[in-house]
N, C-alpha and C. Protein backbone atom coordinates (compact mmCIF):
# COMPACT_ATOMS: atom_id res chain seq x y z
N MET A 1 127.30 63.77 14.91
CA MET A 1 126.68 62.59 15.00
C MET A 1 125.28 62.66 14.27
N SER A 2 124.92 61.65 13.51
CA SER A 2 123.59 61.82 12.90
C SER A 2 122.50 61.37 13.91
N THR A 3 121.24 61.82 13.57
CA THR A 3 120.17 61.45 14.40
C THR A 3 119.89 59.98 14.52
N ASP A 4 120.20 59.20 13.34
CA ASP A 4 120.03 57.80 13.41
C ASP A 4 120.95 57.08 14.44
N THR A 5 122.21 57.53 14.29
CA THR A 5 123.18 56.93 15.25
C THR A 5 122.90 57.29 16.70
N ALA A 6 122.45 58.56 16.99
CA ALA A 6 122.10 58.85 18.30
C ALA A 6 120.87 58.16 18.78
N ALA A 7 119.89 57.82 17.93
CA ALA A 7 118.72 57.11 18.37
C ALA A 7 119.04 55.60 18.63
N ASN A 8 120.03 55.03 17.83
CA ASN A 8 120.41 53.69 18.11
C ASN A 8 121.43 53.42 19.21
N LEU A 9 121.92 54.57 19.83
CA LEU A 9 122.91 54.44 20.81
C LEU A 9 122.35 53.66 22.11
N PRO A 10 121.10 54.00 22.61
CA PRO A 10 120.67 53.38 23.76
C PRO A 10 120.42 51.78 23.46
N GLN A 11 119.93 51.43 22.30
CA GLN A 11 119.77 50.10 21.88
C GLN A 11 121.02 49.37 21.81
N ARG A 12 122.17 49.97 21.37
CA ARG A 12 123.54 49.36 21.19
C ARG A 12 124.09 49.17 22.55
N ILE A 13 123.88 50.06 23.50
CA ILE A 13 124.48 49.97 24.87
C ILE A 13 123.63 48.81 25.57
N ARG A 14 122.39 48.75 25.42
CA ARG A 14 121.60 47.67 25.99
C ARG A 14 122.11 46.35 25.51
N ASN A 15 122.23 46.13 24.21
CA ASN A 15 122.74 44.94 23.59
C ASN A 15 124.13 44.58 24.14
N LEU A 16 124.99 45.63 24.30
CA LEU A 16 126.42 45.45 24.79
C LEU A 16 126.20 44.86 26.30
N VAL A 17 125.30 45.38 27.06
CA VAL A 17 125.13 44.96 28.51
C VAL A 17 124.62 43.58 28.56
N VAL A 18 123.66 43.25 27.72
CA VAL A 18 123.09 41.95 27.58
C VAL A 18 124.17 40.86 27.26
N VAL A 19 124.91 41.19 26.20
CA VAL A 19 126.07 40.31 25.84
C VAL A 19 127.04 40.16 26.91
N THR A 20 127.46 41.19 27.58
CA THR A 20 128.38 41.13 28.72
C THR A 20 127.87 40.25 29.82
N ILE A 21 126.63 40.51 30.26
CA ILE A 21 126.06 39.69 31.36
C ILE A 21 125.94 38.12 30.91
N ALA A 22 125.64 37.84 29.62
CA ALA A 22 125.56 36.55 29.29
C ALA A 22 126.98 35.84 29.35
N ALA A 23 128.02 36.56 28.92
CA ALA A 23 129.30 36.03 28.87
C ALA A 23 129.73 35.83 30.35
N ILE A 24 129.46 36.74 31.21
CA ILE A 24 129.85 36.53 32.61
C ILE A 24 129.04 35.27 33.29
N LEU A 25 127.80 35.19 33.02
CA LEU A 25 126.97 34.03 33.47
C LEU A 25 127.52 32.79 32.90
N SER A 26 127.95 32.66 31.54
CA SER A 26 128.50 31.55 30.93
C SER A 26 129.78 31.04 31.65
N VAL A 27 130.67 32.07 31.92
CA VAL A 27 131.88 31.76 32.56
C VAL A 27 131.60 31.23 34.04
N ALA A 28 130.72 31.87 34.69
CA ALA A 28 130.42 31.33 36.11
C ALA A 28 129.86 30.02 36.13
N LEU A 29 128.94 29.71 35.09
CA LEU A 29 128.43 28.37 35.02
C LEU A 29 129.48 27.38 34.72
N ILE A 30 130.36 27.63 33.87
CA ILE A 30 131.53 26.61 33.54
C ILE A 30 132.42 26.43 34.73
N LEU A 31 132.76 27.51 35.39
CA LEU A 31 133.54 27.37 36.61
C LEU A 31 132.83 26.60 37.68
N GLY A 32 131.54 26.91 37.91
CA GLY A 32 130.77 26.19 38.91
C GLY A 32 130.68 24.72 38.63
N LEU A 33 130.67 24.28 37.43
CA LEU A 33 130.55 22.85 37.00
C LEU A 33 131.92 22.17 37.27
N GLN A 34 133.11 22.96 36.99
CA GLN A 34 134.28 22.44 37.18
C GLN A 34 134.74 22.26 38.63
N THR A 35 134.17 23.13 39.52
CA THR A 35 134.55 22.95 40.93
C THR A 35 133.58 22.14 41.69
N ARG A 36 132.58 21.55 41.04
CA ARG A 36 131.60 20.70 41.66
C ARG A 36 132.27 19.42 42.18
N THR A 37 131.98 18.88 43.37
CA THR A 37 132.53 17.66 43.86
C THR A 37 132.19 16.52 42.96
N PRO A 38 133.16 15.82 42.41
CA PRO A 38 132.81 14.73 41.57
C PRO A 38 132.07 13.60 42.35
N SER A 39 131.09 12.99 41.65
CA SER A 39 130.29 11.87 42.29
C SER A 39 131.28 10.71 42.34
N ALA A 40 130.97 9.81 43.20
CA ALA A 40 131.88 8.55 43.32
C ALA A 40 131.65 7.64 42.10
N SER A 41 132.75 7.34 41.43
CA SER A 41 132.77 6.44 40.28
C SER A 41 133.14 5.13 40.75
N LEU A 42 132.35 4.06 40.51
CA LEU A 42 132.74 2.67 40.88
C LEU A 42 133.87 2.17 40.25
N SER A 43 134.18 2.54 38.98
CA SER A 43 135.39 2.06 38.35
C SER A 43 136.64 2.74 38.95
N GLU A 44 136.52 4.00 39.19
CA GLU A 44 137.71 4.70 39.72
C GLU A 44 137.92 4.25 41.18
N MET A 45 136.89 3.96 42.00
CA MET A 45 137.07 3.51 43.32
C MET A 45 137.70 2.03 43.25
N ALA A 46 137.31 1.23 42.28
CA ALA A 46 137.89 -0.05 42.14
C ALA A 46 139.33 0.02 41.80
N GLU A 47 139.76 0.91 40.94
CA GLU A 47 141.16 1.09 40.58
C GLU A 47 141.99 1.47 41.77
N ALA A 48 141.43 2.31 42.66
CA ALA A 48 142.13 2.75 43.83
C ALA A 48 142.06 1.74 45.00
N ALA A 49 141.27 0.69 44.84
CA ALA A 49 141.08 -0.24 46.08
C ALA A 49 142.29 -1.09 46.11
N VAL A 50 142.46 -1.65 47.41
CA VAL A 50 143.58 -2.58 47.72
C VAL A 50 143.30 -3.91 46.97
N PRO A 51 144.18 -4.49 46.25
CA PRO A 51 143.91 -5.82 45.67
C PRO A 51 143.68 -6.84 46.78
N LEU A 52 142.73 -7.67 46.43
CA LEU A 52 142.34 -8.73 47.52
C LEU A 52 143.63 -9.47 47.91
N GLU A 53 144.40 -9.94 47.05
CA GLU A 53 145.72 -10.65 47.41
C GLU A 53 146.51 -9.92 48.57
N THR A 54 146.64 -8.57 48.30
CA THR A 54 147.44 -7.68 49.30
C THR A 54 146.59 -7.65 50.57
N ALA A 55 145.20 -7.50 50.46
CA ALA A 55 144.41 -7.28 51.65
C ALA A 55 144.37 -8.54 52.62
N LEU A 56 144.61 -9.72 51.88
CA LEU A 56 144.53 -10.99 52.54
C LEU A 56 145.90 -11.26 53.39
N THR A 57 146.88 -10.53 52.99
CA THR A 57 148.24 -10.82 53.52
C THR A 57 148.78 -9.69 54.31
N ASN A 58 148.26 -8.52 54.47
CA ASN A 58 148.98 -7.41 55.05
C ASN A 58 148.57 -7.33 56.54
N GLY A 59 147.78 -8.14 57.08
CA GLY A 59 147.50 -8.14 58.47
C GLY A 59 146.35 -7.06 58.95
N ARG A 60 145.93 -6.28 58.00
CA ARG A 60 144.89 -5.30 58.46
C ARG A 60 143.50 -5.92 58.15
N PRO A 61 142.49 -5.47 58.91
CA PRO A 61 141.07 -5.84 58.61
C PRO A 61 140.70 -5.37 57.24
N THR A 62 139.68 -6.00 56.55
CA THR A 62 139.39 -5.70 55.21
C THR A 62 137.89 -5.71 55.10
N LEU A 63 137.40 -4.76 54.27
CA LEU A 63 136.06 -4.63 53.82
C LEU A 63 136.08 -5.00 52.30
N VAL A 64 135.53 -6.17 51.97
CA VAL A 64 135.48 -6.59 50.55
C VAL A 64 134.05 -6.15 50.03
N GLU A 65 133.92 -5.49 48.96
CA GLU A 65 132.67 -5.15 48.30
C GLU A 65 132.65 -5.88 47.02
N PHE A 66 131.59 -6.69 46.87
CA PHE A 66 131.33 -7.27 45.52
C PHE A 66 130.26 -6.40 44.97
N TYR A 67 130.56 -5.96 43.67
CA TYR A 67 129.78 -4.78 43.03
C TYR A 67 129.69 -5.17 41.51
N ALA A 68 128.91 -4.25 40.83
CA ALA A 68 129.00 -4.22 39.37
C ALA A 68 128.67 -2.73 38.98
N ASN A 69 129.22 -2.28 37.92
CA ASN A 69 129.02 -0.90 37.45
C ASN A 69 127.50 -0.69 37.07
N TRP A 70 126.73 -1.67 36.70
CA TRP A 70 125.30 -1.58 36.37
C TRP A 70 124.45 -1.57 37.56
N CYS A 71 124.88 -1.92 38.71
CA CYS A 71 124.14 -2.11 39.83
C CYS A 71 123.79 -0.64 40.50
N THR A 72 122.44 -0.25 40.48
CA THR A 72 122.03 0.91 40.99
C THR A 72 122.24 1.06 42.50
N SER A 73 122.08 -0.08 43.20
CA SER A 73 122.31 -0.03 44.70
C SER A 73 123.82 0.24 44.90
N CYS A 74 124.74 -0.37 44.11
CA CYS A 74 126.16 -0.19 44.26
C CYS A 74 126.46 1.37 44.00
N GLN A 75 125.83 1.86 42.89
CA GLN A 75 126.06 3.28 42.67
C GLN A 75 125.58 4.20 43.76
N ALA A 76 124.37 3.82 44.29
CA ALA A 76 123.83 4.61 45.40
C ALA A 76 124.68 4.67 46.62
N MET A 77 125.42 3.53 46.85
CA MET A 77 126.21 3.50 48.06
C MET A 77 127.63 3.98 47.83
N ALA A 78 128.02 4.28 46.65
CA ALA A 78 129.42 4.57 46.32
C ALA A 78 129.87 5.88 47.17
N PRO A 79 129.08 6.92 47.34
CA PRO A 79 129.53 8.06 48.22
C PRO A 79 129.77 7.67 49.57
N ASP A 80 128.87 6.79 50.13
CA ASP A 80 129.04 6.28 51.48
C ASP A 80 130.47 5.53 51.58
N LEU A 81 130.68 4.69 50.64
CA LEU A 81 131.86 3.85 50.64
C LEU A 81 133.10 4.84 50.55
N GLN A 82 133.01 5.86 49.70
CA GLN A 82 134.10 6.79 49.61
C GLN A 82 134.37 7.54 51.00
N GLN A 83 133.34 7.82 51.68
CA GLN A 83 133.45 8.47 52.95
C GLN A 83 134.00 7.47 53.97
N LEU A 84 133.59 6.31 53.93
CA LEU A 84 134.04 5.20 54.83
C LEU A 84 135.60 5.08 54.58
N LYS A 85 135.95 5.06 53.38
CA LYS A 85 137.39 4.87 52.99
C LYS A 85 138.22 6.01 53.48
N ALA A 86 137.68 7.27 53.43
CA ALA A 86 138.32 8.47 53.93
C ALA A 86 138.49 8.40 55.50
N ASP A 87 137.44 7.87 56.11
CA ASP A 87 137.47 7.77 57.59
C ASP A 87 138.31 6.56 58.07
N TYR A 88 138.37 5.38 57.44
CA TYR A 88 138.90 4.22 57.90
C TYR A 88 140.12 3.77 57.11
N GLY A 89 140.33 4.32 55.99
CA GLY A 89 141.34 3.80 54.95
C GLY A 89 142.73 3.60 55.54
N ASP A 90 143.07 4.38 56.52
CA ASP A 90 144.52 4.15 57.16
C ASP A 90 144.56 3.04 57.98
N ARG A 91 143.52 2.37 58.37
CA ARG A 91 143.44 1.24 59.29
C ARG A 91 142.74 -0.04 58.67
N VAL A 92 141.99 0.20 57.64
CA VAL A 92 141.21 -0.91 57.04
C VAL A 92 141.40 -0.99 55.52
N ASN A 93 141.64 -2.22 55.02
CA ASN A 93 141.72 -2.31 53.52
C ASN A 93 140.32 -2.17 52.93
N PHE A 94 140.23 -1.57 51.81
CA PHE A 94 139.03 -1.58 51.10
C PHE A 94 139.21 -2.21 49.73
N SER A 95 138.68 -3.32 49.49
CA SER A 95 138.90 -4.15 48.25
C SER A 95 137.52 -4.22 47.57
N MET A 96 137.54 -4.14 46.33
CA MET A 96 136.37 -4.27 45.42
C MET A 96 136.47 -5.34 44.37
N LEU A 97 135.51 -6.21 44.32
CA LEU A 97 135.46 -7.31 43.42
C LEU A 97 134.29 -7.12 42.45
N ASN A 98 134.54 -7.02 41.15
CA ASN A 98 133.44 -6.79 40.15
C ASN A 98 132.92 -8.24 39.80
N VAL A 99 131.57 -8.36 40.18
CA VAL A 99 130.94 -9.69 39.84
C VAL A 99 130.81 -9.96 38.38
N ASP A 100 131.04 -9.01 37.47
CA ASP A 100 131.05 -9.34 36.07
C ASP A 100 132.37 -9.89 35.55
N ASN A 101 133.37 -9.94 36.48
CA ASN A 101 134.67 -10.48 36.00
C ASN A 101 134.64 -11.93 36.62
N SER A 102 134.58 -12.89 35.65
CA SER A 102 134.54 -14.36 36.12
C SER A 102 135.72 -14.74 36.94
N LYS A 103 136.81 -13.94 37.04
CA LYS A 103 138.01 -14.28 37.87
C LYS A 103 137.54 -14.39 39.28
N TRP A 104 136.58 -13.71 39.70
CA TRP A 104 136.06 -13.61 41.09
C TRP A 104 135.02 -14.62 41.47
N LEU A 105 134.68 -15.51 40.43
CA LEU A 105 133.64 -16.59 40.74
C LEU A 105 133.88 -17.33 41.98
N PRO A 106 135.19 -17.86 42.19
CA PRO A 106 135.41 -18.69 43.37
C PRO A 106 135.13 -17.83 44.70
N GLU A 107 135.47 -16.66 44.72
CA GLU A 107 135.17 -15.79 45.85
C GLU A 107 133.68 -15.63 46.05
N MET A 108 133.01 -15.38 44.84
CA MET A 108 131.55 -15.20 44.81
C MET A 108 130.84 -16.41 45.52
N LEU A 109 131.34 -17.61 45.06
CA LEU A 109 130.78 -18.81 45.65
C LEU A 109 131.03 -19.03 47.04
N HIS A 110 132.27 -18.75 47.44
CA HIS A 110 132.74 -19.01 48.75
C HIS A 110 132.03 -18.14 49.77
N TYR A 111 131.80 -16.82 49.38
CA TYR A 111 131.07 -15.91 50.25
C TYR A 111 129.58 -15.78 50.06
N ARG A 112 129.07 -16.75 49.12
CA ARG A 112 127.69 -16.93 48.84
C ARG A 112 126.99 -15.56 48.32
N VAL A 113 127.63 -14.96 47.38
CA VAL A 113 127.25 -13.70 46.86
C VAL A 113 126.07 -13.94 45.91
N ASP A 114 124.87 -13.55 46.28
CA ASP A 114 123.68 -13.73 45.44
C ASP A 114 122.87 -12.37 45.12
N GLY A 115 123.45 -11.30 45.76
CA GLY A 115 122.87 -10.06 45.62
C GLY A 115 124.06 -9.05 45.81
N ILE A 116 123.98 -7.85 45.11
CA ILE A 116 125.00 -6.91 45.35
C ILE A 116 124.32 -5.53 45.60
N PRO A 117 125.07 -4.61 46.17
CA PRO A 117 126.33 -4.76 46.87
C PRO A 117 126.28 -5.86 47.92
N HIS A 118 127.41 -6.62 48.04
CA HIS A 118 127.58 -7.72 49.11
C HIS A 118 128.89 -7.21 49.74
N PHE A 119 128.89 -6.96 51.06
CA PHE A 119 130.05 -6.56 51.75
C PHE A 119 130.55 -7.71 52.71
N VAL A 120 131.72 -8.18 52.63
CA VAL A 120 132.38 -9.14 53.54
C VAL A 120 133.41 -8.42 54.47
N PHE A 121 133.28 -8.67 55.74
CA PHE A 121 134.22 -8.13 56.67
C PHE A 121 135.21 -9.15 57.10
N LEU A 122 136.39 -8.96 56.81
CA LEU A 122 137.49 -9.98 57.20
C LEU A 122 138.29 -9.44 58.29
N ASN A 123 138.71 -10.23 59.31
CA ASN A 123 139.65 -9.68 60.27
C ASN A 123 141.06 -9.70 59.72
N GLY A 124 141.99 -9.27 60.57
CA GLY A 124 143.40 -9.16 60.14
C GLY A 124 143.98 -10.39 59.70
N ALA A 125 143.50 -11.61 60.07
CA ALA A 125 143.99 -12.78 59.57
C ALA A 125 143.40 -13.29 58.34
N GLY A 126 142.40 -12.47 57.78
CA GLY A 126 141.70 -12.80 56.56
C GLY A 126 140.49 -13.75 56.71
N SER A 127 140.04 -13.81 57.97
CA SER A 127 138.93 -14.76 58.22
C SER A 127 137.69 -14.03 58.16
N ASP A 128 136.62 -14.68 57.75
CA ASP A 128 135.30 -13.97 57.57
C ASP A 128 134.69 -13.72 58.87
N ALA A 129 134.40 -12.43 59.20
CA ALA A 129 133.79 -11.97 60.47
C ALA A 129 132.33 -11.66 60.28
N GLY A 130 131.84 -11.53 59.07
CA GLY A 130 130.37 -11.26 58.91
C GLY A 130 130.26 -10.48 57.50
N ALA A 131 128.99 -10.23 57.20
CA ALA A 131 128.53 -9.64 55.92
C ALA A 131 127.41 -8.59 56.04
N ALA A 132 127.35 -7.77 55.02
CA ALA A 132 126.20 -6.97 54.96
C ALA A 132 125.78 -7.01 53.44
N ILE A 133 124.52 -6.97 53.12
CA ILE A 133 124.09 -7.26 51.80
C ILE A 133 123.12 -6.15 51.47
N GLY A 134 123.26 -5.55 50.26
CA GLY A 134 122.40 -4.53 49.69
C GLY A 134 122.75 -3.16 50.25
N GLU A 135 121.82 -2.24 49.98
CA GLU A 135 121.97 -0.84 50.45
C GLU A 135 121.70 -0.81 51.97
N VAL A 136 122.85 -0.76 52.65
CA VAL A 136 122.64 -0.59 54.18
C VAL A 136 123.27 0.78 54.52
N PRO A 137 122.78 1.32 55.56
CA PRO A 137 123.26 2.69 55.93
C PRO A 137 124.70 2.57 56.27
N ARG A 138 125.42 3.73 55.99
CA ARG A 138 126.83 3.95 56.24
C ARG A 138 127.07 3.64 57.64
N ALA A 139 126.21 4.15 58.61
CA ALA A 139 126.38 3.91 60.04
C ALA A 139 126.51 2.45 60.39
N VAL A 140 125.71 1.56 59.75
CA VAL A 140 125.85 0.08 59.93
C VAL A 140 127.22 -0.39 59.60
N LEU A 141 127.69 0.00 58.40
CA LEU A 141 128.95 -0.43 57.98
C LEU A 141 130.08 0.10 59.02
N ALA A 142 129.88 1.37 59.36
CA ALA A 142 130.93 1.92 60.33
C ALA A 142 130.86 1.19 61.65
N GLU A 143 129.71 0.82 62.09
CA GLU A 143 129.64 0.10 63.43
C GLU A 143 130.43 -1.18 63.16
N ASN A 144 130.19 -1.87 62.13
CA ASN A 144 130.89 -3.18 61.82
C ASN A 144 132.41 -3.03 61.77
N LEU A 145 132.77 -1.89 61.07
CA LEU A 145 134.29 -1.51 61.04
C LEU A 145 134.88 -1.29 62.34
N ASP A 146 134.14 -0.56 63.13
CA ASP A 146 134.60 -0.19 64.54
C ASP A 146 134.79 -1.48 65.32
N ALA A 147 133.88 -2.41 65.19
CA ALA A 147 133.93 -3.66 65.99
C ALA A 147 135.12 -4.53 65.42
N LEU A 148 135.20 -4.51 64.11
CA LEU A 148 136.47 -5.25 63.51
C LEU A 148 137.70 -4.73 64.01
N LEU A 149 137.82 -3.48 64.03
CA LEU A 149 139.10 -2.95 64.54
C LEU A 149 139.35 -3.18 65.97
N ALA A 150 138.28 -3.31 66.78
CA ALA A 150 138.40 -3.57 68.28
C ALA A 150 138.44 -5.05 68.57
N HIS A 151 138.49 -5.95 67.55
CA HIS A 151 138.46 -7.44 67.62
C HIS A 151 137.31 -7.86 68.40
N GLN A 152 136.13 -7.22 68.13
CA GLN A 152 134.83 -7.57 68.78
C GLN A 152 133.96 -8.18 67.74
N PRO A 153 132.91 -8.96 68.19
CA PRO A 153 131.89 -9.53 67.19
C PRO A 153 131.26 -8.32 66.52
N LEU A 154 130.81 -8.46 65.29
CA LEU A 154 130.22 -7.47 64.48
C LEU A 154 128.73 -7.30 65.04
N PRO A 155 128.34 -6.08 65.26
CA PRO A 155 126.90 -5.83 65.76
C PRO A 155 125.90 -6.13 64.65
N ASN A 156 126.25 -5.90 63.42
CA ASN A 156 125.31 -6.13 62.30
C ASN A 156 125.77 -7.29 61.43
N VAL A 157 125.96 -8.55 61.80
CA VAL A 157 126.51 -9.56 61.12
C VAL A 157 125.92 -9.78 59.83
N ARG A 158 124.56 -9.80 59.61
CA ARG A 158 124.02 -10.04 58.36
C ARG A 158 123.01 -9.03 58.04
N ALA A 159 123.52 -7.75 58.06
CA ALA A 159 122.62 -6.64 57.71
C ALA A 159 122.22 -6.73 56.32
N VAL A 160 120.94 -6.46 56.00
CA VAL A 160 120.35 -6.71 54.64
C VAL A 160 119.64 -5.49 54.19
N GLY A 161 119.90 -5.01 53.06
CA GLY A 161 119.12 -3.90 52.42
C GLY A 161 118.74 -4.22 51.03
N GLN A 162 118.31 -3.26 50.28
CA GLN A 162 117.91 -3.45 48.91
C GLN A 162 119.12 -3.83 48.05
N ALA A 163 119.02 -4.90 47.23
CA ALA A 163 120.22 -5.38 46.56
C ALA A 163 119.75 -5.68 45.10
N SER A 164 120.75 -5.77 44.19
CA SER A 164 120.48 -6.21 42.83
C SER A 164 120.89 -7.75 42.68
N ASP A 165 120.07 -8.45 41.91
CA ASP A 165 120.26 -9.83 41.66
C ASP A 165 121.60 -9.99 40.96
N VAL A 166 122.32 -11.00 41.18
CA VAL A 166 123.68 -11.26 40.58
C VAL A 166 123.77 -12.58 39.75
N GLU A 167 122.65 -13.24 39.61
CA GLU A 167 122.62 -14.64 38.99
C GLU A 167 123.10 -14.52 37.59
N ALA A 168 122.72 -13.44 36.90
CA ALA A 168 123.14 -13.32 35.38
C ALA A 168 124.67 -13.10 35.29
N ALA A 169 125.25 -12.48 36.33
CA ALA A 169 126.63 -12.23 36.22
C ALA A 169 127.45 -13.45 36.58
N ILE A 170 126.91 -14.36 37.29
CA ILE A 170 127.54 -15.68 37.65
C ILE A 170 127.67 -16.52 36.42
N ALA A 171 126.73 -16.50 35.49
CA ALA A 171 126.61 -17.40 34.30
C ALA A 171 126.74 -16.67 32.98
N PRO A 172 127.91 -16.18 32.64
CA PRO A 172 127.96 -15.41 31.37
C PRO A 172 127.83 -16.45 30.29
N THR A 173 127.40 -16.10 29.13
CA THR A 173 127.30 -16.95 27.98
C THR A 173 128.65 -17.18 27.39
N ALA A 174 128.86 -18.21 26.57
CA ALA A 174 130.07 -18.57 26.02
C ALA A 174 130.64 -17.49 25.11
N ASP A 175 129.71 -16.73 24.45
CA ASP A 175 130.10 -15.71 23.63
C ASP A 175 130.22 -14.32 24.33
N ASP A 176 130.05 -14.24 25.64
CA ASP A 176 130.04 -13.03 26.37
C ASP A 176 131.47 -12.52 26.38
N PRO A 177 131.69 -11.29 25.92
CA PRO A 177 133.13 -10.76 25.99
C PRO A 177 133.77 -10.59 27.36
N ARG A 178 132.85 -10.62 28.31
CA ARG A 178 133.39 -10.53 29.70
C ARG A 178 133.99 -11.78 30.16
N SER A 179 133.74 -12.92 29.50
CA SER A 179 134.30 -14.29 29.90
C SER A 179 135.84 -14.23 29.61
N HIS A 180 136.27 -13.54 28.64
CA HIS A 180 137.71 -13.54 28.28
C HIS A 180 138.19 -15.00 28.03
N GLY A 181 137.35 -15.71 27.46
CA GLY A 181 137.78 -17.12 27.12
C GLY A 181 137.65 -18.14 28.28
N ALA A 182 137.18 -17.69 29.46
CA ALA A 182 137.03 -18.62 30.63
C ALA A 182 135.97 -19.56 30.32
N GLN A 183 136.01 -20.69 30.97
CA GLN A 183 134.98 -21.71 30.83
C GLN A 183 133.80 -21.19 31.58
N VAL A 184 132.58 -21.45 30.84
CA VAL A 184 131.38 -20.85 31.42
C VAL A 184 130.87 -21.92 32.49
N VAL A 185 130.50 -21.29 33.75
CA VAL A 185 130.01 -22.16 34.81
C VAL A 185 128.62 -21.76 35.05
N THR A 186 127.66 -22.68 34.94
CA THR A 186 126.16 -22.43 35.20
C THR A 186 125.84 -22.97 36.50
N PRO A 187 125.30 -22.05 37.32
CA PRO A 187 124.89 -22.52 38.59
C PRO A 187 123.66 -23.46 38.56
N ALA A 188 123.60 -24.43 39.46
CA ALA A 188 122.55 -25.40 39.45
C ALA A 188 121.24 -24.81 39.94
N SER A 189 120.12 -25.07 39.19
CA SER A 189 118.82 -24.53 39.55
C SER A 189 118.27 -25.19 40.78
């Protein structure tokens, strides 16, 4: 072995160790990101939700959430709603109505949705039992669900937290692609 090769051997070993450690850390980082619990996605939650038509006819109490994907309060509450669905989903319908879809305008007007998230509690017969508006603690929603299941008056009938304004969603413009050709309805000022 030449003296040049012998002198470079410690440097080569050091480089090999650094490359090996970097590769191990990269693999650990990728695996760590893949096993992380995914955050609640409003779109995915809406796809998995019970359709309103089914919820109104299956005899179970229902929690209807009026939401929008752009609503930061809705996004902030998504993990709580996921947990509530995990806790109550076998006994309560969870239905989600996107305020950006003009299909839900009659329901928005009926339940007087002017801020989101807007939660409507319906008894098993589909009658309005109360509402909660905005970012409200999961415990408040759970108390209302417990009362709904026990056929008792809701303890937090009009709970109100931070909400996003929904006026713009009620009145899409004629050229708004979300209108899907629907007639534009402008609320009276």
